[in-house]
PDB file of N, CA and C in Angstrom:
ATOM      1  N   UNK A   1      16.978   3.501  17.443  1.00  0.00           N
ATOM      2  CA  UNK A   1      16.061   2.545  16.827  1.00  0.00           C
ATOM      3  C   UNK A   1      14.682   2.706  17.486  1.00  0.00           C
ATOM      4  N   UNK A   2      13.643   2.534  16.686  1.00  0.00           N
ATOM      5  CA  UNK A   2      12.289   2.629  17.233  1.00  0.00           C
ATOM      6  C   UNK A   2      11.971   1.369  18.039  1.00  0.00           C
ATOM      7  N   UNK A   3      10.999   1.486  18.949  1.00  0.00           N
ATOM      8  CA  UNK A   3      10.590   0.330  19.747  1.00  0.00           C
ATOM      9  C   UNK A   3       9.393  -0.362  19.084  1.00  0.00           C
ATOM     10  N   UNK A   4       8.967  -1.461  19.684  1.00  0.00           N
ATOM     11  CA  UNK A   4       7.879  -2.259  19.111  1.00  0.00           C
ATOM     12  C   UNK A   4       6.574  -1.475  19.008  1.00  0.00           C
ATOM     13  N   UNK A   5       6.288  -0.657  20.001  1.00  0.00           N
ATOM     14  CA  UNK A   5       5.048   0.123  19.972  1.00  0.00           C
ATOM     15  C   UNK A   5       5.026   1.040  18.759  1.00  0.00           C
ATOM     16  N   UNK A   6       6.131   1.712  18.508  1.00  0.00           N
ATOM     17  CA  UNK A   6       6.207   2.607  17.348  1.00  0.00           C
ATOM     18  C   UNK A   6       6.182   1.806  16.048  1.00  0.00           C
ATOM     19  N   UNK A   7       6.815   0.657  16.035  1.00  0.00           N
ATOM     20  CA  UNK A   7       6.801  -0.186  14.835  1.00  0.00           C
ATOM     21  C   UNK A   7       5.366  -0.595  14.488  1.00  0.00           C
ATOM     22  N   UNK A   8       4.608  -0.977  15.492  1.00  0.00           N
ATOM     23  CA  UNK A   8       3.210  -1.365  15.256  1.00  0.00           C
ATOM     24  C   UNK A   8       2.406  -0.168  14.753  1.00  0.00           C
ATOM     25  N   UNK A   9       2.663   1.000  15.289  1.00  0.00           N
ATOM     26  CA  UNK A   9       1.960   2.196  14.809  1.00  0.00           C
ATOM     27  C   UNK A   9       2.229   2.448  13.328  1.00  0.00           C
ATOM     28  N   UNK A  10       3.422   2.129  12.881  1.00  0.00           N
ATOM     29  CA  UNK A  10       3.806   2.405  11.499  1.00  0.00           C
ATOM     30  C   UNK A  10       3.450   1.271  10.533  1.00  0.00           C
ATOM     31  N   UNK A  11       3.075   0.125  11.064  1.00  0.00           N
ATOM     32  CA  UNK A  11       2.940  -1.065  10.235  1.00  0.00           C
ATOM     33  C   UNK A  11       1.932  -0.904   9.102  1.00  0.00           C
ATOM     34  N   UNK A  12       0.746  -0.393   9.381  1.00  0.00           N
ATOM     35  CA  UNK A  12      -0.275  -0.294   8.332  1.00  0.00           C
ATOM     36  C   UNK A  12       0.138   0.704   7.266  1.00  0.00           C
ATOM     37  N   UNK A  13       0.734   1.819   7.691  1.00  0.00           N
ATOM     38  CA  UNK A  13       1.206   2.798   6.710  1.00  0.00           C
ATOM     39  C   UNK A  13       2.310   2.184   5.853  1.00  0.00           C
ATOM     40  N   UNK A  14       3.167   1.378   6.460  1.00  0.00           N
ATOM     41  CA  UNK A  14       4.223   0.695   5.723  1.00  0.00           C
ATOM     42  C   UNK A  14       3.621  -0.240   4.678  1.00  0.00           C
ATOM     43  N   UNK A  15       2.627  -1.015   5.085  1.00  0.00           N
ATOM     44  CA  UNK A  15       1.992  -1.949   4.157  1.00  0.00           C
ATOM     45  C   UNK A  15       1.306  -1.226   2.997  1.00  0.00           C
ATOM     46  N   UNK A  16       0.857  -0.008   3.256  1.00  0.00           N
ATOM     47  CA  UNK A  16       0.189   0.783   2.224  1.00  0.00           C
ATOM     48  C   UNK A  16       1.166   1.670   1.461  1.00  0.00           C
ATOM     49  N   UNK A  17       2.470   1.502   1.742  1.00  0.00           N
ATOM     50  CA  UNK A  17       3.518   2.296   1.095  1.00  0.00           C
ATOM     51  C   UNK A  17       3.273   3.788   1.300  1.00  0.00           C
ATOM     52  N   UNK A  18       2.836   4.144   2.516  1.00  0.00           N
ATOM     53  CA  UNK A  18       2.487   5.525   2.818  1.00  0.00           C
ATOM     54  C   UNK A  18       3.467   6.197   3.788  1.00  0.00           C
ATOM     55  N   UNK A  19       4.569   5.522   4.110  1.00  0.00           N
ATOM     56  CA  UNK A  19       5.562   6.124   5.000  1.00  0.00           C
ATOM     57  C   UNK A  19       6.596   6.900   4.186  1.00  0.00           C
ATOM     58  N   UNK A  20       7.085   7.957   4.775  1.00  0.00           N
ATOM     59  CA  UNK A  20       8.198   8.698   4.188  1.00  0.00           C
ATOM     60  C   UNK A  20       9.458   7.831   4.263  1.00  0.00           C
ATOM     61  N   UNK A  21      10.502   8.170   3.511  1.00  0.00           N
ATOM     62  CA  UNK A  21      11.708   7.336   3.492  1.00  0.00           C
ATOM     63  C   UNK A  21      12.353   7.112   4.867  1.00  0.00           C
ATOM     64  N   UNK A  22      12.529   8.152   5.685  1.00  0.00           N
ATOM     65  CA  UNK A  22      13.199   7.971   6.975  1.00  0.00           C
ATOM     66  C   UNK A  22      12.396   7.055   7.900  1.00  0.00           C
ATOM     67  N   UNK A  23      11.083   7.273   8.102  1.00  0.00           N
ATOM     68  CA  UNK A  23      10.320   6.332   8.922  1.00  0.00           C
ATOM     69  C   UNK A  23      10.328   4.909   8.367  1.00  0.00           C
ATOM     70  N   UNK A  24      10.375   4.777   7.049  1.00  0.00           N
ATOM     71  CA  UNK A  24      10.455   3.449   6.439  1.00  0.00           C
ATOM     72  C   UNK A  24      11.780   2.789   6.802  1.00  0.00           C
ATOM     73  N   UNK A  25      12.872   3.528   6.695  1.00  0.00           N
ATOM     74  CA  UNK A  25      14.181   2.997   7.059  1.00  0.00           C
ATOM     75  C   UNK A  25      14.219   2.568   8.527  1.00  0.00           C
ATOM     76  N   UNK A  26      13.657   3.403   9.403  1.00  0.00           N
ATOM     77  CA  UNK A  26      13.633   3.079  10.834  1.00  0.00           C
ATOM     78  C   UNK A  26      12.809   1.825  11.094  1.00  0.00           C
ATOM     79  N   UNK A  27      11.670   1.722  10.407  1.00  0.00           N
ATOM     80  CA  UNK A  27      10.810   0.554  10.563  1.00  0.00           C
ATOM     81  C   UNK A  27      11.530  -0.701  10.098  1.00  0.00           C
ATOM     82  N   UNK A  28      12.148  -0.635   8.944  1.00  0.00           N
ATOM     83  CA  UNK A  28      12.850  -1.797   8.403  1.00  0.00           C
ATOM     84  C   UNK A  28      14.055  -2.181   9.266  1.00  0.00           C
ATOM     85  N   UNK A  29      14.736  -1.195   9.846  1.00  0.00           N
ATOM     86  CA  UNK A  29      15.851  -1.491  10.758  1.00  0.00           C
ATOM     87  C   UNK A  29      15.327  -2.214  11.993  1.00  0.00           C
ATOM     88  N   UNK A  30      14.176  -1.805  12.480  1.00  0.00           N
ATOM     89  CA  UNK A  30      13.575  -2.481  13.631  1.00  0.00           C
ATOM     90  C   UNK A  30      13.246  -3.930  13.280  1.00  0.00           C
ATOM     91  N   UNK A  31      12.704  -4.147  12.091  1.00  0.00           N
ATOM     92  CA  UNK A  31      12.353  -5.502  11.664  1.00  0.00           C
ATOM     93  C   UNK A  31      13.581  -6.411  11.602  1.00  0.00           C
ATOM     94  N   UNK A  32      14.717  -5.854  11.236  1.00  0.00           N
ATOM     95  CA  UNK A  32      15.939  -6.651  11.166  1.00  0.00           C
ATOM     96  C   UNK A  32      16.332  -7.205  12.533  1.00  0.00           C
ATOM     97  N   UNK A  33      15.908  -6.510  13.596  1.00  0.00           N
ATOM     98  CA  UNK A  33      16.306  -6.913  14.948  1.00  0.00           C
ATOM     99  C   UNK A  33      15.177  -7.544  15.758  1.00  0.00           C
ATOM    100  N   UNK A  34      13.960  -7.486  15.284  1.00  0.00           N
ATOM    101  CA  UNK A  34      12.815  -7.900  16.113  1.00  0.00           C
ATOM    102  C   UNK A  34      11.983  -8.983  15.422  1.00  0.00           C
ATOM    103  N   UNK A  35      12.138 -10.184  15.901  1.00  0.00           N
ATOM    104  CA  UNK A  35      11.406 -11.309  15.328  1.00  0.00           C
ATOM    105  C   UNK A  35       9.894 -11.178  15.570  1.00  0.00           C
ATOM    106  N   UNK A  36       9.512 -10.659  16.721  1.00  0.00           N
ATOM    107  CA  UNK A  36       8.089 -10.502  17.040  1.00  0.00           C
ATOM    108  C   UNK A  36       7.396  -9.591  16.028  1.00  0.00           C
ATOM    109  N   UNK A  37       8.005  -8.457  15.731  1.00  0.00           N
ATOM    110  CA  UNK A  37       7.385  -7.524  14.796  1.00  0.00           C
ATOM    111  C   UNK A  37       7.400  -8.066  13.371  1.00  0.00           C
ATOM    112  N   UNK A  38       8.404  -8.880  13.039  1.00  0.00           N
ATOM    113  CA  UNK A  38       8.396  -9.547  11.727  1.00  0.00           C
ATOM    114  C   UNK A  38       7.172 -10.448  11.616  1.00  0.00           C
ATOM    115  N   UNK A  39       6.869 -11.160  12.687  1.00  0.00           N
ATOM    116  CA  UNK A  39       5.680 -12.013  12.708  1.00  0.00           C
ATOM    117  C   UNK A  39       4.404 -11.202  12.601  1.00  0.00           C
ATOM    118  N   UNK A  40       4.362 -10.065  13.301  1.00  0.00           N
ATOM    119  CA  UNK A  40       3.189  -9.174  13.219  1.00  0.00           C
ATOM    120  C   UNK A  40       2.999  -8.671  11.792  1.00  0.00           C
ATOM    121  N   UNK A  41       4.104  -8.314  11.149  1.00  0.00           N
ATOM    122  CA  UNK A  41       4.029  -7.820   9.774  1.00  0.00           C
ATOM    123  C   UNK A  41       3.530  -8.915   8.841  1.00  0.00           C
ATOM    124  N   UNK A  42       4.060 -10.107   8.988  1.00  0.00           N
ATOM    125  CA  UNK A  42       3.628 -11.223   8.137  1.00  0.00           C
ATOM    126  C   UNK A  42       2.138 -11.510   8.341  1.00  0.00           C
ATOM    127  N   UNK A  43       1.700 -11.528   9.597  1.00  0.00           N
ATOM    128  CA  UNK A  43       0.280 -11.752   9.888  1.00  0.00           C
ATOM    129  C   UNK A  43      -0.573 -10.663   9.238  1.00  0.00           C
ATOM    130  N   UNK A  44      -0.155  -9.422   9.391  1.00  0.00           N
ATOM    131  CA  UNK A  44      -0.922  -8.305   8.828  1.00  0.00           C
ATOM    132  C   UNK A  44      -0.988  -8.380   7.314  1.00  0.00           C
ATOM    133  N   UNK A  45       0.123  -8.750   6.679  1.00  0.00           N
ATOM    134  CA  UNK A  45       0.123  -8.894   5.211  1.00  0.00           C
ATOM    135  C   UNK A  45      -0.859  -9.977   4.781  1.00  0.00           C
ATOM    136  N   UNK A  46      -0.810 -11.114   5.443  1.00  0.00           N
ATOM    137  CA  UNK A  46      -1.721 -12.207   5.077  1.00  0.00           C
ATOM    138  C   UNK A  46      -3.175 -11.832   5.325  1.00  0.00           C
ATOM    139  N   UNK A  47      -3.435 -11.150   6.437  1.00  0.00           N
ATOM    140  CA  UNK A  47      -4.803 -10.716   6.743  1.00  0.00           C
ATOM    141  C   UNK A  47      -5.302  -9.769   5.655  1.00  0.00           C
ATOM    142  N   UNK A  48      -4.478  -8.821   5.260  1.00  0.00           N
ATOM    143  CA  UNK A  48      -4.868  -7.885   4.194  1.00  0.00           C
ATOM    144  C   UNK A  48      -5.163  -8.629   2.896  1.00  0.00           C
ATOM    145  N   UNK A  49      -4.318  -9.609   2.566  1.00  0.00           N
ATOM    146  CA  UNK A  49      -4.530 -10.393   1.346  1.00  0.00           C
ATOM    147  C   UNK A  49      -5.841 -11.163   1.410  1.00  0.00           C
ATOM    148  N   UNK A  50      -6.112 -11.783   2.544  1.00  0.00           N
ATOM    149  CA  UNK A  50      -7.357 -12.551   2.691  1.00  0.00           C
ATOM    150  C   UNK A  50      -8.571 -11.648   2.584  1.00  0.00           C
ATOM    151  N   UNK A  51      -8.528 -10.506   3.238  1.00  0.00           N
ATOM    152  CA  UNK A  51      -9.655  -9.572   3.175  1.00  0.00           C
ATOM    153  C   UNK A  51      -9.846  -9.090   1.743  1.00  0.00           C
ATOM    154  N   UNK A  52      -8.754  -8.798   1.056  1.00  0.00           N
ATOM    155  CA  UNK A  52      -8.853  -8.330  -0.333  1.00  0.00           C
ATOM    156  C   UNK A  52      -9.446  -9.408  -1.229  1.00  0.00           C
ATOM    157  N   UNK A  53      -8.998 -10.651  -1.051  1.00  0.00           N
ATOM    158  CA  UNK A  53      -9.524 -11.745  -1.862  1.00  0.00           C
ATOM    159  C   UNK A  53     -11.006 -11.959  -1.593  1.00  0.00           C
ATOM    160  N   UNK A  54     -11.363 -11.983  -0.335  1.00  0.00           N
ATOM    161  CA  UNK A  54     -12.762 -12.227   0.021  1.00  0.00           C
ATOM    162  C   UNK A  54     -13.661 -11.073  -0.377  1.00  0.00           C
ATOM    163  N   UNK A  55     -13.166  -9.856  -0.222  1.00  0.00           N
ATOM    164  CA  UNK A  55     -14.010  -8.708  -0.544  1.00  0.00           C
ATOM    165  C   UNK A  55     -14.237  -8.589  -2.047  1.00  0.00           C
ATOM    166  N   UNK A  56     -13.344  -9.192  -2.831  1.00  0.00           N
ATOM    167  CA  UNK A  56     -13.530  -9.164  -4.280  1.00  0.00           C
ATOM    168  C   UNK A  56     -14.666 -10.090  -4.704  1.00  0.00           C
ATOM    169  N   UNK A  57     -14.952 -11.112  -3.901  1.00  0.00           N
ATOM    170  CA  UNK A  57     -15.984 -12.079  -4.260  1.00  0.00           C
ATOM    171  C   UNK A  57     -17.216 -11.991  -3.378  1.00  0.00           C
ATOM    172  N   UNK A  58     -17.092 -11.335  -2.250  1.00  0.00           N
ATOM    173  CA  UNK A  58     -18.194 -11.253  -1.297  1.00  0.00           C
ATOM    174  C   UNK A  58     -18.399  -9.802  -0.897  1.00  0.00           C
ATOM    175  N   UNK A  59     -19.650  -9.385  -0.885  1.00  0.00           N
ATOM    176  CA  UNK A  59     -19.941  -8.039  -0.418  1.00  0.00           C
ATOM    177  C   UNK A  59     -19.878  -8.016   1.105  1.00  0.00           C
ATOM    178  N   UNK A  60     -18.940  -7.233   1.615  1.00  0.00           N
ATOM    179  CA  UNK A  60     -18.798  -7.054   3.057  1.00  0.00           C
ATOM    180  C   UNK A  60     -19.265  -5.646   3.363  1.00  0.00           C
ATOM    181  N   UNK A  61     -20.256  -5.526   4.257  1.00  0.00           N
ATOM    182  CA  UNK A  61     -20.737  -4.186   4.595  1.00  0.00           C
ATOM    183  C   UNK A  61     -19.594  -3.312   5.103  1.00  0.00           C
ATOM    184  N   UNK A  62     -19.621  -2.038   4.741  1.00  0.00           N
ATOM    185  CA  UNK A  62     -18.565  -1.108   5.113  1.00  0.00           C
ATOM    186  C   UNK A  62     -18.310  -1.058   6.602  1.00  0.00           C
ATOM    187  N   UNK A  63     -19.388  -1.059   7.408  1.00  0.00           N
ATOM    188  CA  UNK A  63     -19.200  -0.981   8.858  1.00  0.00           C
ATOM    189  C   UNK A  63     -18.496  -2.221   9.393  1.00  0.00           C
ATOM    190  N   UNK A  64     -18.722  -3.371   8.779  1.00  0.00           N
ATOM    191  CA  UNK A  64     -18.050  -4.596   9.208  1.00  0.00           C
ATOM    192  C   UNK A  64     -16.572  -4.561   8.821  1.00  0.00           C
ATOM    193  N   UNK A  65     -16.278  -4.077   7.633  1.00  0.00           N
ATOM    194  CA  UNK A  65     -14.881  -3.962   7.196  1.00  0.00           C
ATOM    195  C   UNK A  65     -14.106  -3.036   8.135  1.00  0.00           C
ATOM    196  N   UNK A  66     -14.713  -1.900   8.499  1.00  0.00           N
ATOM    197  CA  UNK A  66     -14.069  -0.960   9.421  1.00  0.00           C
ATOM    198  C   UNK A  66     -13.815  -1.628  10.763  1.00  0.00           C
ATOM    199  N   UNK A  67     -14.787  -2.362  11.266  1.00  0.00           N
ATOM    200  CA  UNK A  67     -14.638  -3.037  12.560  1.00  0.00           C
ATOM    201  C   UNK A  67     -13.535  -4.098  12.511  1.00  0.00           C
ATOM    202  N   UNK A  68     -13.472  -4.856  11.429  1.00  0.00           N
ATOM    203  CA  UNK A  68     -12.419  -5.857  11.288  1.00  0.00           C
ATOM    204  C   UNK A  68     -11.036  -5.211  11.272  1.00  0.00           C
ATOM    205  N   UNK A  69     -10.911  -4.102  10.560  1.00  0.00           N
ATOM    206  CA  UNK A  69      -9.630  -3.402  10.531  1.00  0.00           C
ATOM    207  C   UNK A  69      -9.257  -2.901  11.925  1.00  0.00           C
ATOM    208  N   UNK A  70     -10.244  -2.399  12.672  1.00  0.00           N
ATOM    209  CA  UNK A  70      -9.975  -1.948  14.043  1.00  0.00           C
ATOM    210  C   UNK A  70      -9.511  -3.111  14.913  1.00  0.00           C
ATOM    211  N   UNK A  71     -10.156  -4.265  14.763  1.00  0.00           N
ATOM    212  CA  UNK A  71      -9.772  -5.431  15.552  1.00  0.00           C
ATOM    213  C   UNK A  71      -8.364  -5.896  15.223  1.00  0.00           C
ATOM    214  N   UNK A  72      -8.024  -5.899  13.945  1.00  0.00           N
ATOM    215  CA  UNK A  72      -6.680  -6.315  13.540  1.00  0.00           C
ATOM    216  C   UNK A  72      -5.655  -5.337  14.092  1.00  0.00           C
ATOM    217  N   UNK A  73      -5.918  -4.060  13.981  1.00  0.00           N
ATOM    218  CA  UNK A  73      -4.985  -3.070  14.530  1.00  0.00           C
ATOM    219  C   UNK A  73      -4.861  -3.228  16.040  1.00  0.00           C
ATOM    220  N   UNK A  74      -5.990  -3.442  16.720  1.00  0.00           N
ATOM    221  CA  UNK A  74      -5.967  -3.622  18.169  1.00  0.00           C
ATOM    222  C   UNK A  74      -5.214  -4.863  18.586  1.00  0.00           C
ATOM    223  N   UNK A  75      -5.306  -5.915  17.782  1.00  0.00           N
ATOM    224  CA  UNK A  75      -4.594  -7.155  18.100  1.00  0.00           C
ATOM    225  C   UNK A  75      -3.101  -6.971  17.945  1.00  0.00           C
ATOM    226  N   UNK A  76      -2.703  -6.038  17.098  1.00  0.00           N
ATOM    227  CA  UNK A  76      -1.275  -5.798  16.876  1.00  0.00           C
ATOM    228  C   UNK A  76      -0.654  -4.979  17.992  1.00  0.00           C
ATOM    229  N   UNK A  77      -1.468  -4.223  18.734  1.00  0.00           N
ATOM    230  CA  UNK A  77      -0.941  -3.397  19.803  1.00  0.00           C
ATOM    231  C   UNK A  77      -0.998  -4.200  21.089  1.00  0.00           C
ATOM    232  N   UNK A  78       0.124  -4.378  21.701  1.00  0.00           N
ATOM    233  CA  UNK A  78       0.185  -5.145  22.929  1.00  0.00           C
ATOM    234  C   UNK A  78       1.352  -4.686  23.753  1.00  0.00           C
ATOM    235  N   UNK A  79       1.639  -5.397  24.809  1.00  0.00           N
ATOM    236  CA  UNK A  79       2.773  -5.010  25.633  1.00  0.00           C
ATOM    237  C   UNK A  79       4.047  -5.017  24.797  1.00  0.00           C
ATOM    238  N   UNK A  80       4.883  -4.067  25.080  1.00  0.00           N
ATOM    239  CA  UNK A  80       6.149  -3.995  24.355  1.00  0.00           C
ATOM    240  C   UNK A  80       6.993  -5.219  24.629  1.00  0.00           C
ATOM    241  N   UNK A  81       7.609  -5.704  23.594  1.00  0.00           N
ATOM    242  CA  UNK A  81       8.575  -6.770  23.780  1.00  0.00           C
ATOM    243  C   UNK A  81       9.941  -6.197  23.487  1.00  0.00           C
ATOM    244  N   UNK A  82      10.926  -6.813  23.994  1.00  0.00           N
ATOM    245  CA  UNK A  82      12.293  -6.346  23.747  1.00  0.00           C
ATOM    246  C   UNK A  82      12.720  -6.806  22.372  1.00  0.00           C
ATOM    247  N   UNK A  83      13.249  -5.889  21.621  1.00  0.00           N
ATOM    248  CA  UNK A  83      13.695  -6.194  20.251  1.00  0.00           C
ATOM    249  C   UNK A  83      14.986  -6.981  20.273  1.00  0.00           C
TER     250      UNK A  83
END
């Protein structure tokens, strides 16, 4: 089973449906056992939805959007927790 660090690395690709089947299966198996990463995934999904909703009605400069995505990704990477 993958650890939390690897799960976080795969999270954005998973949300974008860009993972191959085996990495997707490994990620989903990790989620079944790890409440922390489930919370990270839920937070990331909601953040993506909010950004998408706001960007549809508000012009957000490209450099700001990139920085926000970097901050969200950075917030998701932290000390490993036990699954």
